[in-house]
Each structure stands twice: as C-alpha cells, then as structure tokens.
Full PDB file with SEQRES, HELIX, SHEET, SSBOND, CRYST1, ORIGX, SCALE, CONECT and MASTER records, all heavy atoms in Angstrom:
SEQRES   1 A   36  ILE ASN TYR SER VAL LEU LYS MET TYR HIS PHE ALA PRO          
SEQRES   2 A   36  VAL PHE GLU ARG TYR GLU GLY LYS ASP SER PHE LEU THR          
SEQRES   3 A   36  LYS ASN THR PHE VAL ASN ALA ASN VAL ASP                      
CRYST1    1.000    1.000    1.000  90.00  90.00  90.00 P 1           1          
ORIGX1      1.000000  0.000000  0.000000        0.00000                         
ORIGX2      0.000000  1.000000  0.000000        0.00000                         
ORIGX3      0.000000  0.000000  1.000000        0.00000                         
SCALE1      1.000000  0.000000  0.000000        0.00000                         
SCALE2      0.000000  1.000000  0.000000        0.00000                         
SCALE3      0.000000  0.000000  1.000000        0.00000                         
ATOM      1  N   ILE A   1       7.965 -13.155  18.854  1.00  0.00           N  
ATOM      2  CA  ILE A   1       9.100 -13.013  19.770  1.00  0.00           C  
ATOM      3  C   ILE A   1       9.612 -11.580  19.778  1.00  0.00           C  
ATOM      4  O   ILE A   1       9.943 -11.020  20.827  1.00  0.00           O  
ATOM      5  CB  ILE A   1      10.233 -13.975  19.369  1.00  0.00           C  
ATOM      6  CG1 ILE A   1       9.770 -15.431  19.543  1.00  0.00           C  
ATOM      7  CG2 ILE A   1      11.486 -13.718  20.202  1.00  0.00           C  
ATOM      8  CD1 ILE A   1      10.734 -16.447  18.961  1.00  0.00           C  
ATOM      9  N   ASN A   2       9.647 -10.980  18.587  1.00  0.00           N  
ATOM     10  CA  ASN A   2      10.311  -9.679  18.446  1.00  0.00           C  
ATOM     11  C   ASN A   2       9.352  -8.538  18.143  1.00  0.00           C  
ATOM     12  O   ASN A   2       9.777  -7.473  17.729  1.00  0.00           O  
ATOM     13  CB  ASN A   2      11.348  -9.741  17.306  1.00  0.00           C  
ATOM     14  CG  ASN A   2      12.371 -10.814  17.516  1.00  0.00           C  
ATOM     15  OD1 ASN A   2      12.705 -11.138  18.646  1.00  0.00           O  
ATOM     16  ND2 ASN A   2      12.883 -11.391  16.440  1.00  0.00           N  
ATOM     17  N   TYR A   3       8.052  -8.741  18.346  1.00  0.00           N  
ATOM     18  CA  TYR A   3       7.082  -7.720  17.963  1.00  0.00           C  
ATOM     19  C   TYR A   3       7.389  -6.392  18.641  1.00  0.00           C  
ATOM     20  O   TYR A   3       7.638  -6.324  19.847  1.00  0.00           O  
ATOM     21  CB  TYR A   3       5.661  -8.152  18.321  1.00  0.00           C  
ATOM     22  CG  TYR A   3       4.636  -7.089  17.986  1.00  0.00           C  
ATOM     23  CD1 TYR A   3       4.238  -6.891  16.672  1.00  0.00           C  
ATOM     24  CD2 TYR A   3       4.106  -6.270  18.973  1.00  0.00           C  
ATOM     25  CE1 TYR A   3       3.310  -5.915  16.346  1.00  0.00           C  
ATOM     26  CE2 TYR A   3       3.186  -5.286  18.652  1.00  0.00           C  
ATOM     27  CZ  TYR A   3       2.796  -5.112  17.337  1.00  0.00           C  
ATOM     28  OH  TYR A   3       1.892  -4.129  17.013  1.00  0.00           O  
ATOM     29  N   SER A   4       7.366  -5.336  17.849  1.00  0.00           N  
ATOM     30  CA  SER A   4       7.655  -3.998  18.361  1.00  0.00           C  
ATOM     31  C   SER A   4       6.910  -2.983  17.521  1.00  0.00           C  
ATOM     32  O   SER A   4       6.798  -3.127  16.301  1.00  0.00           O  
ATOM     33  CB  SER A   4       9.164  -3.723  18.289  1.00  0.00           C  
ATOM     34  OG  SER A   4       9.431  -2.353  18.214  1.00  0.00           O  
ATOM     35  N   VAL A   5       6.381  -1.951  18.181  1.00  0.00           N  
ATOM     36  CA  VAL A   5       5.654  -0.908  17.451  1.00  0.00           C  
ATOM     37  C   VAL A   5       6.572  -0.154  16.502  1.00  0.00           C  
ATOM     38  O   VAL A   5       6.103   0.541  15.593  1.00  0.00           O  
ATOM     39  CB  VAL A   5       4.982   0.085  18.418  1.00  0.00           C  
ATOM     40  CG1 VAL A   5       3.895  -0.605  19.217  1.00  0.00           C  
ATOM     41  CG2 VAL A   5       6.003   0.743  19.334  1.00  0.00           C  
ATOM     42  N   LEU A   6       7.889  -0.270  16.685  1.00  0.00           N  
ATOM     43  CA  LEU A   6       8.809   0.368  15.762  1.00  0.00           C  
ATOM     44  C   LEU A   6       8.919  -0.407  14.448  1.00  0.00           C  
ATOM     45  O   LEU A   6       9.356   0.130  13.435  1.00  0.00           O  
ATOM     46  CB  LEU A   6      10.216   0.466  16.375  1.00  0.00           C  
ATOM     47  CG  LEU A   6      10.354   1.150  17.731  1.00  0.00           C  
ATOM     48  CD1 LEU A   6      11.819   1.249  18.112  1.00  0.00           C  
ATOM     49  CD2 LEU A   6       9.713   2.523  17.729  1.00  0.00           C  
ATOM     50  N   LYS A   7       8.550  -1.669  14.484  1.00  0.00           N  
ATOM     51  CA  LYS A   7       8.789  -2.554  13.347  1.00  0.00           C  
ATOM     52  C   LYS A   7       7.547  -2.817  12.500  1.00  0.00           C  
ATOM     53  O   LYS A   7       7.644  -2.970  11.293  1.00  0.00           O  
ATOM     54  CB  LYS A   7       9.330  -3.909  13.841  1.00  0.00           C  
ATOM     55  CG  LYS A   7      10.514  -3.824  14.784  1.00  0.00           C  
ATOM     56  CD  LYS A   7      11.759  -3.317  14.092  1.00  0.00           C  
ATOM     57  CE  LYS A   7      12.369  -4.361  13.203  1.00  0.00           C  
ATOM     58  NZ  LYS A   7      13.665  -3.958  12.644  1.00  0.00           N  
ATOM     59  N   MET A   8       6.376  -2.951  13.148  1.00  0.00           N  
ATOM     60  CA  MET A   8       5.232  -3.375  12.352  1.00  0.00           C  
ATOM     61  C   MET A   8       3.920  -3.160  13.084  1.00  0.00           C  
ATOM     62  O   MET A   8       3.872  -3.098  14.312  1.00  0.00           O  
ATOM     63  CB  MET A   8       5.338  -4.863  12.005  1.00  0.00           C  
ATOM     64  CG  MET A   8       5.253  -5.791  13.214  1.00  0.00           C  
ATOM     65  SD  MET A   8       5.153  -7.530  12.773  1.00  0.00           S  
ATOM     66  CE  MET A   8       3.498  -7.615  12.099  1.00  0.00           C  
ATOM     67  N   TYR A   9       2.875  -3.013  12.310  1.00  0.00           N  
ATOM     68  CA  TYR A   9       1.503  -3.173  12.774  1.00  0.00           C  
ATOM     69  C   TYR A   9       0.888  -4.259  11.906  1.00  0.00           C  
ATOM     70  O   TYR A   9       1.270  -4.443  10.746  1.00  0.00           O  
ATOM     71  CB  TYR A   9       0.726  -1.862  12.661  1.00  0.00           C  
ATOM     72  CG  TYR A   9       1.258  -0.782  13.568  1.00  0.00           C  
ATOM     73  CD1 TYR A   9       1.935   0.316  13.051  1.00  0.00           C  
ATOM     74  CD2 TYR A   9       1.106  -0.881  14.941  1.00  0.00           C  
ATOM     75  CE1 TYR A   9       2.438   1.294  13.886  1.00  0.00           C  
ATOM     76  CE2 TYR A   9       1.617   0.094  15.786  1.00  0.00           C  
ATOM     77  CZ  TYR A   9       2.280   1.184  15.253  1.00  0.00           C  
ATOM     78  OH  TYR A   9       2.780   2.143  16.086  1.00  0.00           O  
ATOM     79  N   HIS A  10      -0.053  -4.975  12.452  1.00  0.00           N  
ATOM     80  CA  HIS A  10      -0.558  -6.145  11.736  1.00  0.00           C  
ATOM     81  C   HIS A  10      -1.389  -5.785  10.516  1.00  0.00           C  
ATOM     82  O   HIS A  10      -1.397  -6.515   9.530  1.00  0.00           O  
ATOM     83  CB  HIS A  10      -1.374  -7.016  12.693  1.00  0.00           C  
ATOM     84  CG  HIS A  10      -0.557  -7.592  13.811  1.00  0.00           C  
ATOM     85  ND1 HIS A  10       0.455  -8.499  13.588  1.00  0.00           N  
ATOM     86  CD2 HIS A  10      -0.579  -7.376  15.153  1.00  0.00           C  
ATOM     87  CE1 HIS A  10       1.010  -8.827  14.750  1.00  0.00           C  
ATOM     88  NE2 HIS A  10       0.406  -8.162  15.702  1.00  0.00           N  
ATOM     89  N   PHE A  11      -2.087  -4.652  10.587  1.00  0.00           N  
ATOM     90  CA  PHE A  11      -2.967  -4.273   9.475  1.00  0.00           C  
ATOM     91  C   PHE A  11      -2.601  -2.864   9.007  1.00  0.00           C  
ATOM     92  O   PHE A  11      -2.685  -1.904   9.774  1.00  0.00           O  
ATOM     93  CB  PHE A  11      -4.428  -4.364   9.902  1.00  0.00           C  
ATOM     94  CG  PHE A  11      -4.840  -5.773  10.232  1.00  0.00           C  
ATOM     95  CD1 PHE A  11      -4.884  -6.202  11.551  1.00  0.00           C  
ATOM     96  CD2 PHE A  11      -5.143  -6.675   9.226  1.00  0.00           C  
ATOM     97  CE1 PHE A  11      -5.236  -7.507  11.859  1.00  0.00           C  
ATOM     98  CE2 PHE A  11      -5.495  -7.984   9.527  1.00  0.00           C  
ATOM     99  CZ  PHE A  11      -5.540  -8.403  10.847  1.00  0.00           C  
ATOM    100  N   ALA A  12      -2.185  -2.787   7.761  1.00  0.00           N  
ATOM    101  CA  ALA A  12      -1.684  -1.546   7.178  1.00  0.00           C  
ATOM    102  C   ALA A  12      -1.950  -1.601   5.671  1.00  0.00           C  
ATOM    103  O   ALA A  12      -2.507  -2.574   5.159  1.00  0.00           O  
ATOM    104  CB  ALA A  12      -0.190  -1.407   7.484  1.00  0.00           C  
ATOM    105  N   PRO A  13      -1.576  -0.568   4.926  1.00  0.00           N  
ATOM    106  CA  PRO A  13      -1.787  -0.577   3.480  1.00  0.00           C  
ATOM    107  C   PRO A  13      -1.121  -1.766   2.791  1.00  0.00           C  
ATOM    108  O   PRO A  13      -0.116  -2.300   3.266  1.00  0.00           O  
ATOM    109  CB  PRO A  13      -1.155   0.743   3.031  1.00  0.00           C  
ATOM    110  CG  PRO A  13      -1.322   1.635   4.218  1.00  0.00           C  
ATOM    111  CD  PRO A  13      -1.094   0.743   5.405  1.00  0.00           C  
ATOM    112  N   VAL A  14      -1.688  -2.155   1.653  1.00  0.00           N  
ATOM    113  CA  VAL A  14      -1.187  -3.298   0.885  1.00  0.00           C  
ATOM    114  C   VAL A  14      -1.189  -2.956  -0.596  1.00  0.00           C  
ATOM    115  O   VAL A  14      -1.872  -2.030  -1.038  1.00  0.00           O  
ATOM    116  CB  VAL A  14      -2.072  -4.560   1.098  1.00  0.00           C  
ATOM    117  CG1 VAL A  14      -2.112  -4.948   2.567  1.00  0.00           C  
ATOM    118  CG2 VAL A  14      -3.488  -4.326   0.565  1.00  0.00           C  
ATOM    119  N   PHE A  15      -0.427  -3.733  -1.360  1.00  0.00           N  
ATOM    120  CA  PHE A  15      -0.609  -3.744  -2.804  1.00  0.00           C  
ATOM    121  C   PHE A  15      -1.785  -4.664  -3.100  1.00  0.00           C  
ATOM    122  O   PHE A  15      -1.789  -5.833  -2.695  1.00  0.00           O  
ATOM    123  CB  PHE A  15       0.644  -4.272  -3.508  1.00  0.00           C  
ATOM    124  CG  PHE A  15       1.751  -3.268  -3.613  1.00  0.00           C  
ATOM    125  CD1 PHE A  15       3.000  -3.533  -3.078  1.00  0.00           C  
ATOM    126  CD2 PHE A  15       1.548  -2.054  -4.259  1.00  0.00           C  
ATOM    127  CE1 PHE A  15       4.026  -2.614  -3.179  1.00  0.00           C  
ATOM    128  CE2 PHE A  15       2.570  -1.130  -4.362  1.00  0.00           C  
ATOM    129  CZ  PHE A  15       3.816  -1.401  -3.824  1.00  0.00           C  
ATOM    130  N   GLU A  16      -2.770  -4.136  -3.779  1.00  0.00           N  
ATOM    131  CA  GLU A  16      -3.953  -4.936  -4.102  1.00  0.00           C  
ATOM    132  C   GLU A  16      -3.658  -5.862  -5.280  1.00  0.00           C  
ATOM    133  O   GLU A  16      -2.923  -5.493  -6.193  1.00  0.00           O  
ATOM    134  CB  GLU A  16      -5.130  -4.008  -4.396  1.00  0.00           C  
ATOM    135  CG  GLU A  16      -5.529  -3.181  -3.169  1.00  0.00           C  
ATOM    136  CD  GLU A  16      -6.464  -2.031  -3.504  1.00  0.00           C  
ATOM    137  OE1 GLU A  16      -7.364  -2.227  -4.345  1.00  0.00           O  
ATOM    138  OE2 GLU A  16      -6.283  -0.939  -2.944  1.00  0.00           O  
ATOM    139  N   ARG A  17      -4.252  -7.067  -5.226  1.00  0.00           N  
ATOM    140  CA  ARG A  17      -3.940  -8.096  -6.225  1.00  0.00           C  
ATOM    141  C   ARG A  17      -4.698  -7.897  -7.530  1.00  0.00           C  
ATOM    142  O   ARG A  17      -4.324  -8.460  -8.549  1.00  0.00           O  
ATOM    143  CB  ARG A  17      -4.269  -9.478  -5.659  1.00  0.00           C  
ATOM    144  CG  ARG A  17      -3.631  -9.799  -4.313  1.00  0.00           C  
ATOM    145  CD  ARG A  17      -2.125  -9.730  -4.346  1.00  0.00           C  
ATOM    146  NE  ARG A  17      -1.535 -10.149  -3.071  1.00  0.00           N  
ATOM    147  CZ  ARG A  17      -0.280  -9.915  -2.723  1.00  0.00           C  
ATOM    148  NH1 ARG A  17       0.512  -9.261  -3.544  1.00  0.00           N  
ATOM    149  NH2 ARG A  17       0.185 -10.334  -1.550  1.00  0.00           N  
ATOM    150  N   TYR A  18      -5.764  -7.116  -7.495  1.00  0.00           N  
ATOM    151  CA  TYR A  18      -6.595  -6.942  -8.686  1.00  0.00           C  
ATOM    152  C   TYR A  18      -6.632  -5.467  -9.070  1.00  0.00           C  
ATOM    153  O   TYR A  18      -6.693  -4.585  -8.214  1.00  0.00           O  
ATOM    154  CB  TYR A  18      -8.015  -7.450  -8.441  1.00  0.00           C  
ATOM    155  CG  TYR A  18      -8.071  -8.928  -8.140  1.00  0.00           C  
ATOM    156  CD1 TYR A  18      -7.942  -9.402  -6.838  1.00  0.00           C  
ATOM    157  CD2 TYR A  18      -8.242  -9.852  -9.170  1.00  0.00           C  
ATOM    158  CE1 TYR A  18      -7.971 -10.760  -6.558  1.00  0.00           C  
ATOM    159  CE2 TYR A  18      -8.278 -11.212  -8.899  1.00  0.00           C  
ATOM    160  CZ  TYR A  18      -8.146 -11.659  -7.598  1.00  0.00           C  
ATOM    161  OH  TYR A  18      -8.176 -13.005  -7.326  1.00  0.00           O  
ATOM    162  N   GLU A  19      -6.604  -5.210 -10.363  1.00  0.00           N  
ATOM    163  CA  GLU A  19      -6.637  -3.843 -10.850  1.00  0.00           C  
ATOM    164  C   GLU A  19      -8.024  -3.504 -11.392  1.00  0.00           C  
ATOM    165  O   GLU A  19      -8.633  -4.310 -12.092  1.00  0.00           O  
ATOM    166  CB  GLU A  19      -5.591  -3.653 -11.954  1.00  0.00           C  
ATOM    167  CG  GLU A  19      -4.162  -3.795 -11.451  1.00  0.00           C  
ATOM    168  CD  GLU A  19      -3.134  -3.588 -12.556  1.00  0.00           C  
ATOM    169  OE1 GLU A  19      -3.515  -2.960 -13.573  1.00  0.00           O  
ATOM    170  OE2 GLU A  19      -1.999  -4.047 -12.410  1.00  0.00           O  
ATOM    171  N   GLY A  20      -8.499  -2.332 -11.034  1.00  0.00           N  
ATOM    172  CA  GLY A  20      -9.801  -1.887 -11.500  1.00  0.00           C  
ATOM    173  C   GLY A  20     -10.078  -0.502 -10.964  1.00  0.00           C  
ATOM    174  O   GLY A  20      -9.243   0.108 -10.294  1.00  0.00           O  
ATOM    175  N   LYS A  21     -11.292  -0.009 -11.219  1.00  0.00           N  
ATOM    176  CA  LYS A  21     -11.619   1.353 -10.803  1.00  0.00           C  
ATOM    177  C   LYS A  21     -11.643   1.506  -9.288  1.00  0.00           C  
ATOM    178  O   LYS A  21     -11.522   2.617  -8.768  1.00  0.00           O  
ATOM    179  CB  LYS A  21     -12.963   1.770 -11.393  1.00  0.00           C  
ATOM    180  CG  LYS A  21     -14.157   0.968 -10.919  1.00  0.00           C  
ATOM    181  CD  LYS A  21     -15.437   1.441 -11.589  1.00  0.00           C  
ATOM    182  CE  LYS A  21     -16.646   0.658 -11.115  1.00  0.00           C  
ATOM    183  NZ  LYS A  21     -16.922   0.857  -9.678  1.00  0.00           N  
ATOM    184  N   ASP A  22     -11.801   0.394  -8.552  1.00  0.00           N  
ATOM    185  CA  ASP A  22     -11.814   0.451  -7.091  1.00  0.00           C  
ATOM    186  C   ASP A  22     -10.472   0.085  -6.473  1.00  0.00           C  
ATOM    187  O   ASP A  22     -10.370  -0.155  -5.272  1.00  0.00           O  
ATOM    188  CB  ASP A  22     -12.893  -0.487  -6.531  1.00  0.00           C  
ATOM    189  CG  ASP A  22     -14.301   0.036  -6.804  1.00  0.00           C  
ATOM    190  OD1 ASP A  22     -14.458   1.267  -6.862  1.00  0.00           O  
ATOM    191  OD2 ASP A  22     -15.220  -0.784  -6.950  1.00  0.00           O  
ATOM    192  N   SER A  23      -9.421   0.040  -7.299  1.00  0.00           N  
ATOM    193  CA  SER A  23      -8.083  -0.272  -6.791  1.00  0.00           C  
ATOM    194  C   SER A  23      -7.404   1.021  -6.340  1.00  0.00           C  
ATOM    195  O   SER A  23      -7.229   1.945  -7.147  1.00  0.00           O  
ATOM    196  CB  SER A  23      -7.242  -0.954  -7.868  1.00  0.00           C  
ATOM    197  OG  SER A  23      -7.820  -2.177  -8.255  1.00  0.00           O  
ATOM    198  N   PHE A  24      -7.018   1.061  -5.080  1.00  0.00           N  
ATOM    199  CA  PHE A  24      -6.301   2.247  -4.595  1.00  0.00           C  
ATOM    200  C   PHE A  24      -4.827   2.169  -4.972  1.00  0.00           C  
ATOM    201  O   PHE A  24      -4.223   3.158  -5.379  1.00  0.00           O  
ATOM    202  CB  PHE A  24      -6.434   2.365  -3.071  1.00  0.00           C  
ATOM    203  CG  PHE A  24      -5.697   3.544  -2.502  1.00  0.00           C  
ATOM    204  CD1 PHE A  24      -6.280   4.801  -2.508  1.00  0.00           C  
ATOM    205  CD2 PHE A  24      -4.419   3.418  -1.982  1.00  0.00           C  
ATOM    206  CE1 PHE A  24      -5.610   5.907  -2.010  1.00  0.00           C  
ATOM    207  CE2 PHE A  24      -3.729   4.510  -1.480  1.00  0.00           C  
ATOM    208  CZ  PHE A  24      -4.323   5.758  -1.491  1.00  0.00           C  
ATOM    209  N   LEU A  25      -4.239   0.980  -4.845  1.00  0.00           N  
ATOM    210  CA  LEU A  25      -2.803   0.851  -5.069  1.00  0.00           C  
ATOM    211  C   LEU A  25      -2.465  -0.572  -5.498  1.00  0.00           C  
ATOM    212  O   LEU A  25      -2.787  -1.531  -4.802  1.00  0.00           O  
ATOM    213  CB  LEU A  25      -2.046   1.186  -3.777  1.00  0.00           C  
ATOM    214  CG  LEU A  25      -0.551   1.458  -3.909  1.00  0.00           C  
ATOM    215  CD1 LEU A  25      -0.296   2.772  -4.640  1.00  0.00           C  
ATOM    216  CD2 LEU A  25       0.101   1.494  -2.527  1.00  0.00           C  
ATOM    217  N   THR A  26      -1.860  -0.712  -6.659  1.00  0.00           N  
ATOM    218  CA  THR A  26      -1.323  -1.997  -7.097  1.00  0.00           C  
ATOM    219  C   THR A  26       0.111  -1.760  -7.557  1.00  0.00           C  
ATOM    220  O   THR A  26       0.549  -0.615  -7.726  1.00  0.00           O  
ATOM    221  CB  THR A  26      -2.135  -2.606  -8.253  1.00  0.00           C  
ATOM    222  OG1 THR A  26      -1.883  -1.863  -9.444  1.00  0.00           O  
ATOM    223  CG2 THR A  26      -3.630  -2.610  -7.946  1.00  0.00           C  
ATOM    224  N   LYS A  27       0.844  -2.831  -7.774  1.00  0.00           N  
ATOM    225  CA  LYS A  27       2.241  -2.693  -8.187  1.00  0.00           C  
ATOM    226  C   LYS A  27       2.367  -2.138  -9.601  1.00  0.00           C  
ATOM    227  O   LYS A  27       3.429  -1.654  -9.989  1.00  0.00           O  
ATOM    228  CB  LYS A  27       2.943  -4.048  -8.093  1.00  0.00           C  
ATOM    229  CG  LYS A  27       3.110  -4.536  -6.658  1.00  0.00           C  
ATOM    230  CD  LYS A  27       3.840  -5.866  -6.581  1.00  0.00           C  
ATOM    231  CE  LYS A  27       3.958  -6.327  -5.138  1.00  0.00           C  
ATOM    232  NZ  LYS A  27       4.645  -7.635  -5.007  1.00  0.00           N  
ATOM    233  N   ASN A  28       1.286  -2.198 -10.370  1.00  0.00           N  
ATOM    234  CA  ASN A  28       1.341  -1.768 -11.767  1.00  0.00           C  
ATOM    235  C   ASN A  28       0.627  -0.452 -12.034  1.00  0.00           C  
ATOM    236  O   ASN A  28       0.595   0.003 -13.187  1.00  0.00           O  
ATOM    237  CB  ASN A  28       0.734  -2.854 -12.667  1.00  0.00           C  
ATOM    238  CG  ASN A  28       1.492  -4.156 -12.593  1.00  0.00           C  
ATOM    239  OD1 ASN A  28       2.721  -4.163 -12.511  1.00  0.00           O  
ATOM    240  ND2 ASN A  28       0.779  -5.266 -12.597  1.00  0.00           N  
ATOM    241  N   THR A  29       0.042   0.152 -11.017  1.00  0.00           N  
ATOM    242  CA  THR A  29      -0.760   1.353 -11.275  1.00  0.00           C  
ATOM    243  C   THR A  29      -0.265   2.567 -10.506  1.00  0.00           C  
ATOM    244  O   THR A  29      -1.022   3.464 -10.206  1.00  0.00           O  
ATOM    245  CB  THR A  29      -2.239   1.104 -10.917  1.00  0.00           C  
ATOM    246  OG1 THR A  29      -2.337   0.704  -9.542  1.00  0.00           O  
ATOM    247  CG2 THR A  29      -2.842   0.049 -11.814  1.00  0.00           C  
ATOM    248  N   PHE A  30       1.038   2.595 -10.186  1.00  0.00           N  
ATOM    249  CA  PHE A  30       1.592   3.791  -9.570  1.00  0.00           C  
ATOM    250  C   PHE A  30       1.505   4.953 -10.555  1.00  0.00           C  
ATOM    251  O   PHE A  30       1.851   4.825 -11.722  1.00  0.00           O  
ATOM    252  CB  PHE A  30       3.070   3.571  -9.215  1.00  0.00           C  
ATOM    253  CG  PHE A  30       3.295   3.232  -7.777  1.00  0.00           C  
ATOM    254  CD1 PHE A  30       2.685   2.128  -7.214  1.00  0.00           C  
ATOM    255  CD2 PHE A  30       4.127   4.006  -6.998  1.00  0.00           C  
ATOM    256  CE1 PHE A  30       2.902   1.794  -5.888  1.00  0.00           C  
ATOM    257  CE2 PHE A  30       4.345   3.679  -5.662  1.00  0.00           C  
ATOM    258  CZ  PHE A  30       3.733   2.577  -5.112  1.00  0.00           C  
ATOM    259  N   VAL A  31       1.018   6.083 -10.081  1.00  0.00           N  
ATOM    260  CA  VAL A  31       1.115   7.317 -10.850  1.00  0.00           C  
ATOM    261  C   VAL A  31       1.895   8.309  -9.994  1.00  0.00           C  
ATOM    262  O   VAL A  31       2.054   8.125  -8.787  1.00  0.00           O  
ATOM    263  CB  VAL A  31      -0.270   7.909 -11.182  1.00  0.00           C  
ATOM    264  CG1 VAL A  31      -1.053   6.959 -12.045  1.00  0.00           C  
ATOM    265  CG2 VAL A  31      -1.036   8.268  -9.922  1.00  0.00           C  
ATOM    266  N   ASN A  32       2.404   9.333 -10.612  1.00  0.00           N  
ATOM    267  CA  ASN A  32       3.127  10.353  -9.868  1.00  0.00           C  
ATOM    268  C   ASN A  32       2.456  11.687 -10.131  1.00  0.00           C  
ATOM    269  O   ASN A  32       2.653  12.287 -11.190  1.00  0.00           O  
ATOM    270  CB  ASN A  32       4.600  10.374 -10.271  1.00  0.00           C  
ATOM    271  CG  ASN A  32       5.304   9.093  -9.877  1.00  0.00           C  
ATOM    272  OD1 ASN A  32       5.461   8.803  -8.697  1.00  0.00           O  
ATOM    273  ND2 ASN A  32       5.713   8.306 -10.855  1.00  0.00           N  
ATOM    274  N   ALA A  33       1.615  12.082  -9.200  1.00  0.00           N  
ATOM    275  CA  ALA A  33       0.831  13.296  -9.388  1.00  0.00           C  
ATOM    276  C   ALA A  33       1.747  14.511  -9.483  1.00  0.00           C  
ATOM    277  O   ALA A  33       2.766  14.610  -8.793  1.00  0.00           O  
ATOM    278  CB  ALA A  33      -0.144  13.459  -8.228  1.00  0.00           C  
ATOM    279  N   ASN A  34       1.369  15.405 -10.334  1.00  0.00           N  
ATOM    280  CA  ASN A  34       2.132  16.631 -10.524  1.00  0.00           C  
ATOM    281  C   ASN A  34       1.727  17.633  -9.447  1.00  0.00           C  
ATOM    282  O   ASN A  34       1.036  18.611  -9.704  1.00  0.00           O  
ATOM    283  CB  ASN A  34       1.874  17.187 -11.930  1.00  0.00           C  
ATOM    284  CG  ASN A  34       2.732  18.388 -12.237  1.00  0.00           C  
ATOM    285  OD1 ASN A  34       3.734  18.637 -11.564  1.00  0.00           O  
ATOM    286  ND2 ASN A  34       2.350  19.154 -13.254  1.00  0.00           N  
ATOM    287  N   VAL A  35       2.158  17.348  -8.222  1.00  0.00           N  
ATOM    288  CA  VAL A  35       1.803  18.205  -7.087  1.00  0.00           C  
ATOM    289  C   VAL A  35       3.059  18.598  -6.323  1.00  0.00           C  
ATOM    290  O   VAL A  35       4.036  17.844  -6.262  1.00  0.00           O  
ATOM    291  CB  VAL A  35       0.813  17.508  -6.124  1.00  0.00           C  
ATOM    292  CG1 VAL A  35      -0.502  17.204  -6.819  1.00  0.00           C  
ATOM    293  CG2 VAL A  35       1.409  16.228  -5.543  1.00  0.00           C  
ATOM    294  N   ASP A  36       3.023  19.788  -5.732  1.00  0.00           N  
ATOM    295  CA  ASP A  36       4.104  20.221  -4.850  1.00  0.00           C  
ATOM    296  C   ASP A  36       4.029  19.433  -3.548  1.00  0.00           C  
ATOM    297  O   ASP A  36       2.937  19.149  -3.046  1.00  0.00           O  
ATOM    298  CB  ASP A  36       3.980  21.716  -4.561  1.00  0.00           C  
ATOM    299  CG  ASP A  36       4.059  22.571  -5.816  1.00  0.00           C  
ATOM    300  OD1 ASP A  36       4.826  22.207  -6.727  1.00  0.00           O  
ATOM    301  OD2 ASP A  36       3.340  23.587  -5.893  1.00  0.00           O  
TER     302      ASP A  36                                                      
MASTER        0    0    0    0    0    0    0    6  301    1    0    3          
END                                                                             
C-alpha cells in the first residue's frame, strides 16, 4: 500500500545468520577499521 523508493528496496544488505570466513556482515562481527 505504502511502497516508496524513499522507504525501501526489496533486496539490500543483510545481517548474515552464519559466521565464517565468507561472512561479510553479522551482528557479532562488526569491526571498526582504523581508517580516515
């Protein structure tokens, strides 16, 4: 009813449910790179 490009796209980044070497982003593996 309310779909708007300002609000959402159907497919976007997610928190991945499994952690491993191929995990880009999970809720438990945030790092904060020492970058400007």
